[in-house]
Amino acid sequence: MADEKDKGTPVAVAPGTPGSGENVCRCCEGKGKLVDGGACPDCNGTGKINAPIGGA
């Protein structure tokens, strides 16, 4: 379910992808957990994602 907050979420890419770097997960705001207490599916509970930088 995409909501207004999801529009700016960077697309996660595989670690080690050239032109990418670590970023805070916007789905859970870096907490690793959702409002219901479950692990965030976007970052697998880490609070961080590997995102493209500058169009990688």
N, C-alpha and C. Protein backbone atom coordinates (compact mmCIF):
# COMPACT_ATOMS: atom_id res chain seq x y z
N MET A 1 0.83 -1.19 0.00
CA MET A 1 0.00 0.00 0.00
C MET A 1 0.88 1.25 0.00
N ALA A 2 0.90 1.94 -1.06
CA ALA A 2 1.67 3.18 -1.13
C ALA A 2 0.85 4.33 -0.57
N ASP A 3 1.46 5.10 0.30
CA ASP A 3 0.80 6.30 0.78
C ASP A 3 1.67 7.50 0.43
N GLU A 4 1.31 8.67 0.90
CA GLU A 4 2.02 9.89 0.54
C GLU A 4 3.50 9.81 0.94
N LYS A 5 3.82 9.21 2.09
CA LYS A 5 5.19 9.12 2.56
C LYS A 5 6.05 8.27 1.63
N ASP A 6 5.47 7.26 0.99
CA ASP A 6 6.23 6.34 0.14
C ASP A 6 6.73 6.97 -1.16
N LYS A 7 6.17 8.09 -1.57
CA LYS A 7 6.53 8.68 -2.86
C LYS A 7 8.01 9.03 -2.94
N GLY A 8 8.65 9.39 -1.82
CA GLY A 8 10.05 9.78 -1.85
C GLY A 8 10.99 8.67 -1.44
N THR A 9 10.49 7.48 -1.20
CA THR A 9 11.33 6.39 -0.74
C THR A 9 12.28 5.94 -1.84
N PRO A 10 13.59 5.95 -1.55
CA PRO A 10 14.52 5.48 -2.55
C PRO A 10 14.33 3.98 -2.81
N VAL A 11 14.59 3.57 -4.01
CA VAL A 11 14.50 2.15 -4.35
C VAL A 11 15.76 1.48 -3.82
N ALA A 12 15.59 0.42 -3.06
CA ALA A 12 16.74 -0.30 -2.53
C ALA A 12 17.43 -1.07 -3.64
N VAL A 13 18.76 -1.09 -3.58
CA VAL A 13 19.56 -1.84 -4.54
C VAL A 13 20.47 -2.79 -3.77
N ALA A 14 21.05 -3.74 -4.47
CA ALA A 14 21.92 -4.73 -3.83
C ALA A 14 23.17 -4.06 -3.26
N PRO A 15 23.60 -4.50 -2.07
CA PRO A 15 24.84 -3.97 -1.51
C PRO A 15 26.00 -4.17 -2.50
N GLY A 16 26.87 -3.18 -2.56
CA GLY A 16 28.01 -3.25 -3.47
C GLY A 16 27.73 -2.71 -4.86
N THR A 17 26.48 -2.32 -5.13
CA THR A 17 26.15 -1.74 -6.42
C THR A 17 26.90 -0.42 -6.58
N PRO A 18 27.66 -0.27 -7.68
CA PRO A 18 28.37 0.99 -7.89
C PRO A 18 27.41 2.17 -7.87
N GLY A 19 27.79 3.26 -7.23
CA GLY A 19 26.94 4.44 -7.18
C GLY A 19 25.81 4.32 -6.18
N SER A 20 25.99 3.48 -5.16
CA SER A 20 24.95 3.33 -4.14
C SER A 20 25.58 3.49 -2.76
N GLY A 21 24.72 3.71 -1.77
CA GLY A 21 25.21 3.86 -0.41
C GLY A 21 24.10 3.62 0.59
N GLU A 22 24.48 3.54 1.85
CA GLU A 22 23.52 3.27 2.92
C GLU A 22 22.67 4.51 3.17
N ASN A 23 21.39 4.27 3.43
CA ASN A 23 20.45 5.35 3.69
C ASN A 23 19.46 4.86 4.75
N VAL A 24 18.84 5.80 5.44
CA VAL A 24 17.82 5.48 6.43
C VAL A 24 16.57 5.00 5.70
N CYS A 25 15.99 3.93 6.19
CA CYS A 25 14.75 3.41 5.60
C CYS A 25 13.62 4.38 5.90
N ARG A 26 12.95 4.85 4.87
CA ARG A 26 11.85 5.80 5.06
C ARG A 26 10.55 5.13 5.45
N CYS A 27 10.44 3.85 5.19
CA CYS A 27 9.21 3.13 5.54
C CYS A 27 9.04 3.11 7.06
N CYS A 28 10.13 2.80 7.78
CA CYS A 28 10.07 2.70 9.24
C CYS A 28 10.80 3.87 9.92
N GLU A 29 11.29 4.82 9.12
CA GLU A 29 12.02 5.99 9.62
C GLU A 29 13.27 5.59 10.40
N GLY A 30 13.91 4.50 9.99
CA GLY A 30 15.15 4.06 10.59
C GLY A 30 15.00 3.27 11.88
N LYS A 31 13.77 2.99 12.28
CA LYS A 31 13.53 2.26 13.53
C LYS A 31 13.63 0.75 13.38
N GLY A 32 13.41 0.26 12.16
CA GLY A 32 13.45 -1.18 11.93
C GLY A 32 12.14 -1.89 12.25
N LYS A 33 11.22 -1.17 12.84
CA LYS A 33 9.92 -1.74 13.19
C LYS A 33 8.79 -0.86 12.68
N LEU A 34 7.69 -1.50 12.36
CA LEU A 34 6.50 -0.77 11.94
C LEU A 34 5.67 -0.38 13.16
N VAL A 35 4.64 0.41 12.94
CA VAL A 35 3.78 0.86 14.02
C VAL A 35 3.19 -0.32 14.79
N ASP A 36 2.89 -1.41 14.11
CA ASP A 36 2.30 -2.57 14.77
C ASP A 36 3.32 -3.42 15.53
N GLY A 37 4.61 -3.02 15.49
CA GLY A 37 5.66 -3.73 16.21
C GLY A 37 6.39 -4.77 15.40
N GLY A 38 5.90 -5.06 14.20
CA GLY A 38 6.55 -6.05 13.34
C GLY A 38 7.77 -5.48 12.66
N ALA A 39 8.66 -6.35 12.23
CA ALA A 39 9.87 -5.92 11.51
C ALA A 39 9.48 -5.28 10.19
N CYS A 40 10.17 -4.24 9.82
CA CYS A 40 9.92 -3.54 8.56
C CYS A 40 10.32 -4.44 7.40
N PRO A 41 9.43 -4.64 6.43
CA PRO A 41 9.76 -5.50 5.29
C PRO A 41 10.74 -4.85 4.30
N ASP A 42 10.82 -3.53 4.29
CA ASP A 42 11.72 -2.85 3.35
C ASP A 42 13.18 -2.99 3.75
N CYS A 43 13.47 -2.94 5.05
CA CYS A 43 14.86 -3.00 5.52
C CYS A 43 15.16 -4.26 6.32
N ASN A 44 14.18 -5.16 6.41
CA ASN A 44 14.34 -6.40 7.18
C ASN A 44 14.69 -6.15 8.64
N GLY A 45 14.18 -5.04 9.19
CA GLY A 45 14.37 -4.75 10.60
C GLY A 45 15.67 -4.05 10.95
N THR A 46 16.48 -3.66 9.96
CA THR A 46 17.76 -3.01 10.25
C THR A 46 17.64 -1.50 10.39
N GLY A 47 16.61 -0.91 9.77
CA GLY A 47 16.46 0.54 9.77
C GLY A 47 17.26 1.21 8.67
N LYS A 48 17.99 0.42 7.88
CA LYS A 48 18.84 0.97 6.81
C LYS A 48 18.60 0.21 5.51
N ILE A 49 18.73 0.94 4.41
CA ILE A 49 18.65 0.33 3.09
C ILE A 49 19.87 0.78 2.28
N ASN A 50 20.20 0.06 1.24
CA ASN A 50 21.23 0.46 0.30
C ASN A 50 20.50 1.09 -0.88
N ALA A 51 20.74 2.39 -1.10
CA ALA A 51 19.99 3.14 -2.11
C ALA A 51 20.90 3.71 -3.19
N PRO A 52 20.36 3.87 -4.39
CA PRO A 52 21.15 4.49 -5.45
C PRO A 52 21.42 5.96 -5.16
N ILE A 53 22.59 6.43 -5.55
CA ILE A 53 22.96 7.82 -5.38
C ILE A 53 23.20 8.41 -6.76
N GLY A 54 22.52 9.47 -7.09
CA GLY A 54 22.74 10.14 -8.35
C GLY A 54 22.38 9.33 -9.57
N GLY A 55 21.33 8.54 -9.48
CA GLY A 55 20.84 7.79 -10.63
C GLY A 55 21.54 6.48 -10.90
N ALA A 56 22.14 5.89 -9.87
CA ALA A 56 22.84 4.60 -10.05
C ALA A 56 21.88 3.52 -10.47
